[in-house]
Amino acid sequence: MENSTDIVSFVLAAYGNIGELKYLYFSIMLLWYFSICLTNTVLIIVIYVDKRLHEPMYILLCNLFVNEIGSSTSLYPLMLSQMFSDTHEVTLPWCFLQMCCIYTCLSVEFCSLAAMAYDRYVAICDPLHYSVIMSTGRVGMIILLVWMYSFLNFIFSFSFVLHLEFCGNVIDKVFCDQHLIIKLACSVSVLNKISDLLFAFVTVLIPFSLISVSYMKILAVCLNTPKENSQKAVSTCTPQIVSLSNMFVGCIFHFVDSRFDVAHVPDKVRVILSVYLLICQPMITPFMYGFHQTKLWQSCKRFLFDRK
C-alpha cells in the first residue's frame, strides 16, 4: 500500500458537487431535523408534565424519544454544514465523535426496544407483580444500563480504530463510517476488519434475542386468553414490532452500502438508503407511539389544544 501520511481530516466524497441544489437540500434537511426535534420534544414534555404517564412503559418511551433526538443530532448538523462546503472535509476528532454518537444511539435504540419488550412481557404475563418488578427505581436502572452497555460497546469497537495509521482520507459516504475508515488504514488485522461485525452482533443480535424470547412468551399467553384480551395485548406490542422491523431494514441498507459494490445504484438513491435509518426512524418512533398509544395521544391533545 501507499506510505502512511499524517491524516488530519477525512473527505466525505458522497456529497459530490451538488451545485445550486444545495439550497434546496439544506432547506429540506433543516425542516426535517427541526420536525424530528419538535415532535420528540413535545412527547417528552407531555410525559414529564402528565403524572398519569409516569409509568414504566412511558418512562422507557421518553428515553427512546431522547435517543431519537440524539441520533438525529449526530447526523444532521454535520450534513447541513457540509452543504456549503467545497471540500467536504471533517477533522478526525469530529469524525470520531460522530461515529461515537451514531453507533451509541443505534445500540441504545435496539437495547431500548429490548427493555420495552421485557416491560410488555411482565405486564402481560405477570400482571399481578408488574408494579413490583417494574418499579420506578428498576426502570431507571434499566435505562442507565442501556446507555452504559451501548457506550462501552462502542468503546470496545472503536478501540480497533484508535491506533490505526491511515494511507487515505476519502470516505465514500455522507457520514463517518467505521468500516470505510478501517479500509483507509495502511495495514489492518482480521479483528480490525470484522470489528464492525462484532459491534453489530453485540448491538443487534443480543437485544433481538431478548426481544424474541419476550414476544414468544407473550404469544404463548395470548393463545391461551380470550380473543379480546389477546388483541389488546398484541396492539400494545405493534409499535415495537414496527420499530424493530424498520431498524432491521435500515441496518441492511447500511451494511450493503458499506460492504458491497453498489456502483450500479444511482448516487442519490445510495445516499438516501445509507442514511435511511437516521431519516425515518426518528420520525417513525414518535408517530407510532404518539398516535398508536391512546393514553399518550389523549395527553398530547390535552397538552396542545385544551390548555387554558
C-alpha atoms as a PDB file:
ATOM      1  CA  MET A   1       0.000   0.000   0.000  1.00  0.00           C
ATOM      2  CA  GLU A   2       0.967   3.641  -0.232  1.00  0.00           C
ATOM      3  CA  ASN A   3       3.044   5.176   2.544  1.00  0.00           C
ATOM      4  CA  SER A   4       1.464   6.467   5.726  1.00  0.00           C
ATOM      5  CA  THR A   5       0.958  10.216   5.989  1.00  0.00           C
ATOM      6  CA  ASP A   6      -0.309  12.432   8.784  1.00  0.00           C
ATOM      7  CA  ILE A   7      -4.021  12.369   8.052  1.00  0.00           C
ATOM      8  CA  VAL A   8      -5.781  15.166   9.931  1.00  0.00           C
ATOM      9  CA  SER A   9      -9.152  15.037   8.174  1.00  0.00           C
ATOM     10  CA  PHE A  10     -11.388  12.812   6.080  1.00  0.00           C
ATOM     11  CA  VAL A  11     -13.210  13.813   2.916  1.00  0.00           C
ATOM     12  CA  LEU A  12     -16.865  12.783   2.715  1.00  0.00           C
ATOM     13  CA  ALA A  13     -16.908  12.160  -1.033  1.00  0.00           C
ATOM     14  CA  ALA A  14     -20.560  11.101  -1.307  1.00  0.00           C
ATOM     15  CA  TYR A  15     -21.673  14.730  -1.219  1.00  0.00           C
ATOM     16  CA  GLY A  16     -20.068  15.341  -4.608  1.00  0.00           C
ATOM     17  CA  ASN A  17     -20.831  18.546  -6.471  1.00  0.00           C
ATOM     18  CA  ILE A  18     -24.486  19.380  -5.789  1.00  0.00           C
ATOM     19  CA  GLY A  19     -24.308  22.903  -7.231  1.00  0.00           C
ATOM     20  CA  GLU A  20     -27.296  25.181  -6.670  1.00  0.00           C
ATOM     21  CA  LEU A  21     -29.351  22.264  -5.353  1.00  0.00           C
ATOM     22  CA  LYS A  22     -27.530  22.701  -2.046  1.00  0.00           C
ATOM     23  CA  TYR A  23     -30.030  25.390  -1.031  1.00  0.00           C
ATOM     24  CA  LEU A  24     -32.950  23.049  -1.654  1.00  0.00           C
ATOM     25  CA  TYR A  25     -31.270  20.123   0.146  1.00  0.00           C
ATOM     26  CA  PHE A  26     -30.310  22.369   3.041  1.00  0.00           C
ATOM     27  CA  SER A  27     -33.883  23.628   3.452  1.00  0.00           C
ATOM     28  CA  ILE A  28     -35.381  20.118   3.300  1.00  0.00           C
ATOM     29  CA  MET A  29     -32.901  18.689   5.797  1.00  0.00           C
ATOM     30  CA  LEU A  30     -33.242  21.630   8.182  1.00  0.00           C
ATOM     31  CA  LEU A  31     -37.031  21.350   8.126  1.00  0.00           C
ATOM     32  CA  TRP A  32     -36.890  17.579   8.672  1.00  0.00           C
ATOM     33  CA  TYR A  33     -34.387  17.911  11.534  1.00  0.00           C
ATOM     34  CA  PHE A  34     -36.494  20.616  13.165  1.00  0.00           C
ATOM     35  CA  SER A  35     -39.612  18.426  12.803  1.00  0.00           C
ATOM     36  CA  ILE A  36     -37.853  15.466  14.434  1.00  0.00           C
ATOM     37  CA  CYS A  37     -36.650  17.555  17.378  1.00  0.00           C
ATOM     38  CA  LEU A  38     -40.023  19.281  17.814  1.00  0.00           C
ATOM     39  CA  THR A  39     -42.120  16.096  17.646  1.00  0.00           C
ATOM     40  CA  ASN A  40     -39.957  14.126  20.055  1.00  0.00           C
ATOM     41  CA  THR A  41     -39.544  17.068  22.434  1.00  0.00           C
ATOM     42  CA  VAL A  42     -43.316  17.589  22.644  1.00  0.00           C
ATOM     43  CA  LEU A  43     -43.823  13.939  23.595  1.00  0.00           C
ATOM     44  CA  ILE A  44     -41.040  14.126  26.204  1.00  0.00           C
ATOM     45  CA  ILE A  45     -42.658  17.213  27.744  1.00  0.00           C
ATOM     46  CA  VAL A  46     -46.114  15.606  27.691  1.00  0.00           C
ATOM     47  CA  ILE A  47     -44.823  12.524  29.524  1.00  0.00           C
ATOM     48  CA  TYR A  48     -42.979  14.711  32.036  1.00  0.00           C
ATOM     49  CA  VAL A  49     -45.935  17.019  32.699  1.00  0.00           C
ATOM     50  CA  ASP A  50     -48.745  14.451  32.827  1.00  0.00           C
ATOM     51  CA  LYS A  51     -48.355  12.477  36.056  1.00  0.00           C
ATOM     52  CA  ARG A  52     -50.752   9.840  34.676  1.00  0.00           C
ATOM     53  CA  LEU A  53     -47.973   8.892  32.259  1.00  0.00           C
ATOM     54  CA  HIS A  54     -45.394   8.339  34.993  1.00  0.00           C
ATOM     55  CA  GLU A  55     -45.475   4.609  34.348  1.00  0.00           C
ATOM     56  CA  PRO A  56     -42.638   2.251  33.300  1.00  0.00           C
ATOM     57  CA  MET A  57     -43.748   1.985  29.673  1.00  0.00           C
ATOM     58  CA  TYR A  58     -43.889   5.761  29.184  1.00  0.00           C
ATOM     59  CA  ILE A  59     -40.626   6.360  31.042  1.00  0.00           C
ATOM     60  CA  LEU A  60     -38.961   3.896  28.659  1.00  0.00           C
ATOM     61  CA  LEU A  61     -40.677   5.676  25.773  1.00  0.00           C
ATOM     62  CA  CYS A  62     -39.318   9.002  26.991  1.00  0.00           C
ATOM     63  CA  ASN A  63     -35.805   7.535  26.902  1.00  0.00           C
ATOM     64  CA  LEU A  64     -36.462   6.357  23.338  1.00  0.00           C
ATOM     65  CA  PHE A  65     -37.599   9.863  22.282  1.00  0.00           C
ATOM     66  CA  VAL A  66     -34.434  11.360  23.812  1.00  0.00           C
ATOM     67  CA  ASN A  67     -32.384   8.884  21.816  1.00  0.00           C
ATOM     68  CA  GLU A  68     -34.164   9.853  18.570  1.00  0.00           C
ATOM     69  CA  ILE A  69     -33.131  13.479  19.121  1.00  0.00           C
ATOM     70  CA  GLY A  70     -29.584  12.361  19.903  1.00  0.00           C
ATOM     71  CA  SER A  71     -29.249  10.153  16.828  1.00  0.00           C
ATOM     72  CA  SER A  72     -30.588  12.928  14.575  1.00  0.00           C
ATOM     73  CA  THR A  73     -28.240  15.482  16.115  1.00  0.00           C
ATOM     74  CA  SER A  74     -25.314  13.148  15.419  1.00  0.00           C
ATOM     75  CA  LEU A  75     -26.045  13.377  11.679  1.00  0.00           C
ATOM     76  CA  TYR A  76     -27.950  16.474  10.590  1.00  0.00           C
ATOM     77  CA  PRO A  77     -25.754  19.353  11.891  1.00  0.00           C
ATOM     78  CA  LEU A  78     -22.725  17.923  10.077  1.00  0.00           C
ATOM     79  CA  MET A  79     -24.751  17.268   6.919  1.00  0.00           C
ATOM     80  CA  LEU A  80     -26.137  20.802   6.986  1.00  0.00           C
ATOM     81  CA  SER A  81     -22.656  22.287   7.362  1.00  0.00           C
ATOM     82  CA  GLN A  82     -21.345  20.134   4.500  1.00  0.00           C
ATOM     83  CA  MET A  83     -23.975  21.545   2.132  1.00  0.00           C
ATOM     84  CA  PHE A  84     -21.961  24.777   1.859  1.00  0.00           C
ATOM     85  CA  SER A  85     -18.506  23.213   1.934  1.00  0.00           C
ATOM     86  CA  ASP A  86     -16.383  22.950  -1.187  1.00  0.00           C
ATOM     87  CA  THR A  87     -14.004  20.321   0.206  1.00  0.00           C
ATOM     88  CA  HIS A  88     -16.441  18.286   2.373  1.00  0.00           C
ATOM     89  CA  GLU A  89     -13.688  17.702   4.910  1.00  0.00           C
ATOM     90  CA  VAL A  90     -14.233  16.718   8.531  1.00  0.00           C
ATOM     91  CA  THR A  91     -11.422  16.560  11.067  1.00  0.00           C
ATOM     92  CA  LEU A  92     -10.572  13.245  12.717  1.00  0.00           C
ATOM     93  CA  PRO A  93     -11.835  14.249  16.211  1.00  0.00           C
ATOM     94  CA  TRP A  94     -15.202  15.391  14.804  1.00  0.00           C
ATOM     95  CA  CYS A  95     -15.445  12.293  12.637  1.00  0.00           C
ATOM     96  CA  PHE A  96     -14.768  10.001  15.584  1.00  0.00           C
ATOM     97  CA  LEU A  97     -17.211  11.974  17.737  1.00  0.00           C
ATOM     98  CA  GLN A  98     -19.913  11.495  15.106  1.00  0.00           C
ATOM     99  CA  MET A  99     -19.163   7.779  14.981  1.00  0.00           C
ATOM    100  CA  CYS A 100     -19.466   7.622  18.764  1.00  0.00           C
ATOM    101  CA  CYS A 101     -22.856   9.353  18.748  1.00  0.00           C
ATOM    102  CA  ILE A 102     -24.332   7.414  15.810  1.00  0.00           C
ATOM    103  CA  TYR A 103     -23.152   3.989  16.927  1.00  0.00           C
ATOM    104  CA  THR A 104     -24.039   4.557  20.589  1.00  0.00           C
ATOM    105  CA  CYS A 105     -27.525   5.792  19.670  1.00  0.00           C
ATOM    106  CA  LEU A 106     -28.009   2.810  17.367  1.00  0.00           C
ATOM    107  CA  SER A 107     -27.162   0.446  20.203  1.00  0.00           C
ATOM    108  CA  VAL A 108     -29.403   2.385  22.611  1.00  0.00           C
ATOM    109  CA  GLU A 109     -32.281   2.042  20.132  1.00  0.00           C
ATOM    110  CA  PHE A 110     -32.072  -1.746  19.986  1.00  0.00           C
ATOM    111  CA  CYS A 111     -31.487  -2.090  23.729  1.00  0.00           C
ATOM    112  CA  SER A 112     -34.410   0.235  24.484  1.00  0.00           C
ATOM    113  CA  LEU A 113     -36.685  -1.897  22.311  1.00  0.00           C
ATOM    114  CA  ALA A 114     -35.453  -4.937  24.249  1.00  0.00           C
ATOM    115  CA  ALA A 115     -36.252  -3.180  27.557  1.00  0.00           C
ATOM    116  CA  MET A 116     -39.721  -2.242  26.275  1.00  0.00           C
ATOM    117  CA  ALA A 117     -40.328  -5.822  25.127  1.00  0.00           C
ATOM    118  CA  TYR A 118     -39.433  -7.026  28.626  1.00  0.00           C
ATOM    119  CA  ASP A 119     -41.811  -4.428  30.092  1.00  0.00           C
ATOM    120  CA  ARG A 120     -44.647  -5.731  27.888  1.00  0.00           C
ATOM    121  CA  TYR A 121     -43.760  -9.312  28.801  1.00  0.00           C
ATOM    122  CA  VAL A 122     -44.071  -8.567  32.525  1.00  0.00           C
ATOM    123  CA  ALA A 123     -47.274  -6.535  32.029  1.00  0.00           C
ATOM    124  CA  ILE A 124     -48.971  -9.286  30.012  1.00  0.00           C
ATOM    125  CA  CYS A 125     -47.512 -12.476  31.501  1.00  0.00           C
ATOM    126  CA  ASP A 126     -47.174 -11.449  35.145  1.00  0.00           C
ATOM    127  CA  PRO A 127     -49.571  -8.517  35.699  1.00  0.00           C
ATOM    128  CA  LEU A 128     -50.012  -9.116  39.449  1.00  0.00           C
ATOM    129  CA  HIS A 129     -46.311  -8.474  40.115  1.00  0.00           C
ATOM    130  CA  TYR A 130     -45.848  -5.791  37.434  1.00  0.00           C
ATOM    131  CA  SER A 131     -45.628  -2.837  39.826  1.00  0.00           C
ATOM    132  CA  VAL A 132     -43.046  -4.649  41.948  1.00  0.00           C
ATOM    133  CA  ILE A 133     -40.883  -5.934  39.097  1.00  0.00           C
ATOM    134  CA  MET A 134     -41.048  -2.708  37.054  1.00  0.00           C
ATOM    135  CA  SER A 135     -40.682  -0.193  39.871  1.00  0.00           C
ATOM    136  CA  THR A 136     -39.523   3.346  39.074  1.00  0.00           C
ATOM    137  CA  GLY A 137     -36.089   2.639  40.536  1.00  0.00           C
ATOM    138  CA  ARG A 138     -35.679  -0.511  38.484  1.00  0.00           C
ATOM    139  CA  VAL A 139     -36.774   1.251  35.287  1.00  0.00           C
ATOM    140  CA  GLY A 140     -34.184   3.968  35.967  1.00  0.00           C
ATOM    141  CA  MET A 141     -31.547   1.273  36.459  1.00  0.00           C
ATOM    142  CA  ILE A 142     -32.559  -0.396  33.177  1.00  0.00           C
ATOM    143  CA  ILE A 143     -32.208   2.911  31.306  1.00  0.00           C
ATOM    144  CA  LEU A 144     -28.789   3.517  32.898  1.00  0.00           C
ATOM    145  CA  LEU A 145     -27.646   0.023  31.933  1.00  0.00           C
ATOM    146  CA  VAL A 146     -28.899   0.542  28.351  1.00  0.00           C
ATOM    147  CA  TRP A 147     -26.730   3.655  27.931  1.00  0.00           C
ATOM    148  CA  MET A 148     -23.704   2.175  29.704  1.00  0.00           C
ATOM    149  CA  TYR A 149     -23.897  -1.040  27.680  1.00  0.00           C
ATOM    150  CA  SER A 150     -24.218   0.901  24.417  1.00  0.00           C
ATOM    151  CA  PHE A 151     -21.369   3.304  25.169  1.00  0.00           C
ATOM    152  CA  LEU A 152     -18.992   0.550  26.305  1.00  0.00           C
ATOM    153  CA  ASN A 153     -19.984  -1.449  23.240  1.00  0.00           C
ATOM    154  CA  PHE A 154     -18.882   1.439  21.027  1.00  0.00           C
ATOM    155  CA  ILE A 155     -15.663   1.993  23.002  1.00  0.00           C
ATOM    156  CA  PHE A 156     -14.747  -1.664  22.511  1.00  0.00           C
ATOM    157  CA  SER A 157     -15.436  -1.409  18.777  1.00  0.00           C
ATOM    158  CA  PHE A 158     -13.636   1.935  18.462  1.00  0.00           C
ATOM    159  CA  SER A 159     -10.520   0.537  20.163  1.00  0.00           C
ATOM    160  CA  PHE A 160      -9.814  -1.291  16.885  1.00  0.00           C
ATOM    161  CA  VAL A 161      -9.735   2.048  15.031  1.00  0.00           C
ATOM    162  CA  LEU A 162      -7.999   4.341  17.504  1.00  0.00           C
ATOM    163  CA  HIS A 163      -4.387   3.316  16.811  1.00  0.00           C
ATOM    164  CA  LEU A 164      -4.622   2.796  13.057  1.00  0.00           C
ATOM    165  CA  GLU A 165      -2.391   4.710  10.648  1.00  0.00           C
ATOM    166  CA  PHE A 166      -4.180   5.883   7.522  1.00  0.00           C
ATOM    167  CA  CYS A 167      -2.916   5.912   3.956  1.00  0.00           C
ATOM    168  CA  GLY A 168      -6.001   7.612   2.533  1.00  0.00           C
ATOM    169  CA  ASN A 169      -8.692  10.012   3.652  1.00  0.00           C
ATOM    170  CA  VAL A 170     -11.623   9.686   1.217  1.00  0.00           C
ATOM    171  CA  ILE A 171     -14.817   8.159   2.623  1.00  0.00           C
ATOM    172  CA  ASP A 172     -17.491   7.475   0.035  1.00  0.00           C
ATOM    173  CA  LYS A 173     -20.338   8.345   2.373  1.00  0.00           C
ATOM    174  CA  VAL A 174     -22.089  11.396   3.824  1.00  0.00           C
ATOM    175  CA  PHE A 175     -21.100  10.486   7.382  1.00  0.00           C
ATOM    176  CA  CYS A 176     -18.196   8.781   9.120  1.00  0.00           C
ATOM    177  CA  ASP A 177     -18.496   5.008   8.829  1.00  0.00           C
ATOM    178  CA  GLN A 178     -16.226   2.679  10.792  1.00  0.00           C
ATOM    179  CA  HIS A 179     -15.859   0.008   8.116  1.00  0.00           C
ATOM    180  CA  LEU A 180     -14.895   2.528   5.427  1.00  0.00           C
ATOM    181  CA  ILE A 181     -12.447   4.248   7.796  1.00  0.00           C
ATOM    182  CA  ILE A 182     -10.763   0.919   8.553  1.00  0.00           C
ATOM    183  CA  LYS A 183     -10.397   0.324   4.791  1.00  0.00           C
ATOM    184  CA  LEU A 184      -8.295   3.506   4.644  1.00  0.00           C
ATOM    185  CA  ALA A 185      -5.740   2.094   7.086  1.00  0.00           C
ATOM    186  CA  CYS A 186      -2.284   1.183   5.826  1.00  0.00           C
ATOM    187  CA  SER A 187      -2.496  -2.266   7.386  1.00  0.00           C
ATOM    188  CA  VAL A 188      -5.258  -3.996   9.289  1.00  0.00           C
ATOM    189  CA  SER A 189      -5.654  -7.250  11.161  1.00  0.00           C
ATOM    190  CA  VAL A 190      -8.528  -9.671  10.773  1.00  0.00           C
ATOM    191  CA  LEU A 191     -10.001  -8.355  14.028  1.00  0.00           C
ATOM    192  CA  ASN A 192      -9.885  -4.802  12.655  1.00  0.00           C
ATOM    193  CA  LYS A 193     -11.743  -5.897   9.550  1.00  0.00           C
ATOM    194  CA  ILE A 194     -14.528  -7.605  11.468  1.00  0.00           C
ATOM    195  CA  SER A 195     -14.728  -5.122  14.367  1.00  0.00           C
ATOM    196  CA  ASP A 196     -17.890  -3.553  12.956  1.00  0.00           C
ATOM    197  CA  LEU A 197     -19.406  -7.024  12.602  1.00  0.00           C
ATOM    198  CA  LEU A 198     -18.621  -7.705  16.257  1.00  0.00           C
ATOM    199  CA  PHE A 199     -20.295  -4.404  17.098  1.00  0.00           C
ATOM    200  CA  ALA A 200     -23.326  -5.405  15.028  1.00  0.00           C
ATOM    201  CA  PHE A 201     -23.516  -8.759  16.813  1.00  0.00           C
ATOM    202  CA  VAL A 202     -23.494  -7.178  20.275  1.00  0.00           C
ATOM    203  CA  THR A 203     -25.740  -4.298  19.190  1.00  0.00           C
ATOM    204  CA  VAL A 204     -28.350  -6.173  17.175  1.00  0.00           C
ATOM    205  CA  LEU A 205     -28.362  -9.915  17.798  1.00  0.00           C
ATOM    206  CA  ILE A 206     -28.180  -9.911  21.605  1.00  0.00           C
ATOM    207  CA  PRO A 207     -31.066  -7.414  22.086  1.00  0.00           C
ATOM    208  CA  PHE A 208     -33.005  -9.138  19.296  1.00  0.00           C
ATOM    209  CA  SER A 209     -32.653 -12.472  21.110  1.00  0.00           C
ATOM    210  CA  LEU A 210     -34.104 -10.915  24.273  1.00  0.00           C
ATOM    211  CA  ILE A 211     -36.921  -9.332  22.261  1.00  0.00           C
ATOM    212  CA  SER A 212     -37.694 -12.649  20.550  1.00  0.00           C
ATOM    213  CA  VAL A 213     -37.900 -14.507  23.866  1.00  0.00           C
ATOM    214  CA  SER A 214     -40.208 -11.840  25.328  1.00  0.00           C
ATOM    215  CA  TYR A 215     -42.567 -11.881  22.339  1.00  0.00           C
ATOM    216  CA  MET A 216     -42.661 -15.668  22.130  1.00  0.00           C
ATOM    217  CA  LYS A 217     -43.769 -15.800  25.770  1.00  0.00           C
ATOM    218  CA  ILE A 218     -46.319 -13.056  25.114  1.00  0.00           C
ATOM    219  CA  LEU A 219     -47.609 -15.018  22.106  1.00  0.00           C
ATOM    220  CA  ALA A 220     -47.906 -18.164  24.217  1.00  0.00           C
ATOM    221  CA  VAL A 221     -50.019 -16.280  26.771  1.00  0.00           C
ATOM    222  CA  CYS A 222     -52.175 -14.653  24.069  1.00  0.00           C
ATOM    223  CA  LEU A 223     -53.019 -18.049  22.576  1.00  0.00           C
ATOM    224  CA  ASN A 224     -54.492 -19.124  25.911  1.00  0.00           C
ATOM    225  CA  THR A 225     -56.526 -15.997  26.691  1.00  0.00           C
ATOM    226  CA  PRO A 226     -59.861 -14.675  25.377  1.00  0.00           C
ATOM    227  CA  LYS A 227     -59.712 -13.055  21.945  1.00  0.00           C
ATOM    228  CA  GLU A 228     -60.448  -9.547  23.254  1.00  0.00           C
ATOM    229  CA  ASN A 229     -57.593  -9.671  25.763  1.00  0.00           C
ATOM    230  CA  SER A 230     -55.171 -11.134  23.238  1.00  0.00           C
ATOM    231  CA  GLN A 231     -55.984  -8.399  20.702  1.00  0.00           C
ATOM    232  CA  LYS A 232     -55.339  -5.736  23.324  1.00  0.00           C
ATOM    233  CA  ALA A 233     -52.020  -7.350  24.222  1.00  0.00           C
ATOM    234  CA  VAL A 234     -50.944  -7.594  20.584  1.00  0.00           C
ATOM    235  CA  SER A 235     -51.929  -3.945  19.927  1.00  0.00           C
ATOM    236  CA  THR A 236     -49.607  -2.732  22.694  1.00  0.00           C
ATOM    237  CA  CYS A 237     -46.709  -4.599  21.061  1.00  0.00           C
ATOM    238  CA  THR A 238     -47.376  -3.407  17.487  1.00  0.00           C
ATOM    239  CA  PRO A 239     -45.300  -0.180  17.671  1.00  0.00           C
ATOM    240  CA  GLN A 240     -42.256  -2.092  18.947  1.00  0.00           C
ATOM    241  CA  ILE A 241     -42.591  -4.644  16.140  1.00  0.00           C
ATOM    242  CA  VAL A 242     -42.859  -1.883  13.515  1.00  0.00           C
ATOM    243  CA  SER A 243     -39.864  -0.038  15.001  1.00  0.00           C
ATOM    244  CA  LEU A 244     -37.779  -3.197  15.127  1.00  0.00           C
ATOM    245  CA  SER A 245     -38.654  -4.111  11.525  1.00  0.00           C
ATOM    246  CA  ASN A 246     -37.717  -0.636  10.326  1.00  0.00           C
ATOM    247  CA  MET A 247     -34.432  -0.814  12.260  1.00  0.00           C
ATOM    248  CA  PHE A 248     -33.532  -4.064  10.512  1.00  0.00           C
ATOM    249  CA  VAL A 249     -34.333  -2.586   7.089  1.00  0.00           C
ATOM    250  CA  GLY A 250     -32.134   0.448   7.829  1.00  0.00           C
ATOM    251  CA  CYS A 251     -29.275  -1.721   9.105  1.00  0.00           C
ATOM    252  CA  ILE A 252     -29.428  -3.890   5.980  1.00  0.00           C
ATOM    253  CA  PHE A 253     -29.235  -0.796   3.740  1.00  0.00           C
ATOM    254  CA  HIS A 254     -26.246   0.493   5.723  1.00  0.00           C
ATOM    255  CA  PHE A 255     -24.472  -2.880   5.701  1.00  0.00           C
ATOM    256  CA  VAL A 256     -24.933  -3.409   1.960  1.00  0.00           C
ATOM    257  CA  ASP A 257     -23.795   0.136   1.125  1.00  0.00           C
ATOM    258  CA  SER A 258     -20.648  -0.179   3.279  1.00  0.00           C
ATOM    259  CA  ARG A 259     -19.517  -3.680   2.357  1.00  0.00           C
ATOM    260  CA  PHE A 260     -20.615  -4.307  -1.226  1.00  0.00           C
ATOM    261  CA  ASP A 261     -20.035  -2.678  -4.600  1.00  0.00           C
ATOM    262  CA  VAL A 262     -23.199  -0.685  -5.310  1.00  0.00           C
ATOM    263  CA  ALA A 263     -21.772   1.429  -8.123  1.00  0.00           C
ATOM    264  CA  HIS A 264     -24.727   0.489 -10.334  1.00  0.00           C
ATOM    265  CA  VAL A 265     -27.114   2.210  -7.910  1.00  0.00           C
ATOM    266  CA  PRO A 266     -27.701   5.932  -8.625  1.00  0.00           C
ATOM    267  CA  ASP A 267     -25.696   8.113  -6.244  1.00  0.00           C
ATOM    268  CA  LYS A 268     -28.716   9.956  -4.830  1.00  0.00           C
ATOM    269  CA  VAL A 269     -30.557   6.696  -4.141  1.00  0.00           C
ATOM    270  CA  ARG A 270     -27.473   5.188  -2.493  1.00  0.00           C
ATOM    271  CA  VAL A 271     -27.011   8.212  -0.236  1.00  0.00           C
ATOM    272  CA  ILE A 272     -30.666   8.155   0.848  1.00  0.00           C
ATOM    273  CA  LEU A 273     -30.586   4.415   1.556  1.00  0.00           C
ATOM    274  CA  SER A 274     -27.340   4.733   3.545  1.00  0.00           C
ATOM    275  CA  VAL A 275     -28.963   7.244   5.920  1.00  0.00           C
ATOM    276  CA  TYR A 276     -32.451   5.722   5.734  1.00  0.00           C
ATOM    277  CA  LEU A 277     -32.329   4.678   9.376  1.00  0.00           C
ATOM    278  CA  LEU A 278     -31.436   8.170  10.604  1.00  0.00           C
ATOM    279  CA  ILE A 279     -34.027   9.766   8.317  1.00  0.00           C
ATOM    280  CA  CYS A 280     -37.054   7.579   9.053  1.00  0.00           C
ATOM    281  CA  GLN A 281     -36.622   6.046  12.493  1.00  0.00           C
ATOM    282  CA  PRO A 282     -36.535   9.340  14.482  1.00  0.00           C
ATOM    283  CA  MET A 283     -39.908  10.269  12.958  1.00  0.00           C
ATOM    284  CA  ILE A 284     -41.496   6.811  12.879  1.00  0.00           C
ATOM    285  CA  THR A 285     -40.965   6.375  16.628  1.00  0.00           C
ATOM    286  CA  PRO A 286     -42.925   9.438  17.852  1.00  0.00           C
ATOM    287  CA  PHE A 287     -45.731   8.938  15.332  1.00  0.00           C
ATOM    288  CA  MET A 288     -46.097   5.223  16.055  1.00  0.00           C
ATOM    289  CA  TYR A 289     -46.201   5.725  19.811  1.00  0.00           C
ATOM    290  CA  GLY A 290     -47.808   9.168  19.834  1.00  0.00           C
ATOM    291  CA  PHE A 291     -50.788   8.129  17.703  1.00  0.00           C
ATOM    292  CA  HIS A 292     -50.956   4.411  18.442  1.00  0.00           C
ATOM    293  CA  GLN A 293     -50.868   4.653  22.237  1.00  0.00           C
ATOM    294  CA  THR A 294     -54.322   6.028  23.095  1.00  0.00           C
ATOM    295  CA  LYS A 295     -53.349   7.277  26.541  1.00  0.00           C
ATOM    296  CA  LEU A 296     -50.342   9.198  25.241  1.00  0.00           C
ATOM    297  CA  TRP A 297     -52.314  10.593  22.294  1.00  0.00           C
ATOM    298  CA  GLN A 298     -55.071  11.837  24.610  1.00  0.00           C
ATOM    299  CA  SER A 299     -52.470  13.521  26.809  1.00  0.00           C
ATOM    300  CA  CYS A 300     -50.903  15.152  23.730  1.00  0.00           C
ATOM    301  CA  LYS A 301     -54.279  16.574  22.670  1.00  0.00           C
ATOM    302  CA  ARG A 302     -54.906  17.944  26.157  1.00  0.00           C
ATOM    303  CA  PHE A 303     -51.423  19.459  26.271  1.00  0.00           C
ATOM    304  CA  LEU A 304     -51.588  21.035  22.799  1.00  0.00           C
ATOM    305  CA  PHE A 305     -55.240  22.042  22.430  1.00  0.00           C
ATOM    306  CA  ASP A 306     -57.040  22.035  25.794  1.00  0.00           C
ATOM    307  CA  ARG A 307     -54.694  24.161  27.866  1.00  0.00           C
ATOM    308  CA  LYS A 308     -56.270  27.229  29.459  1.00  0.00           C
END
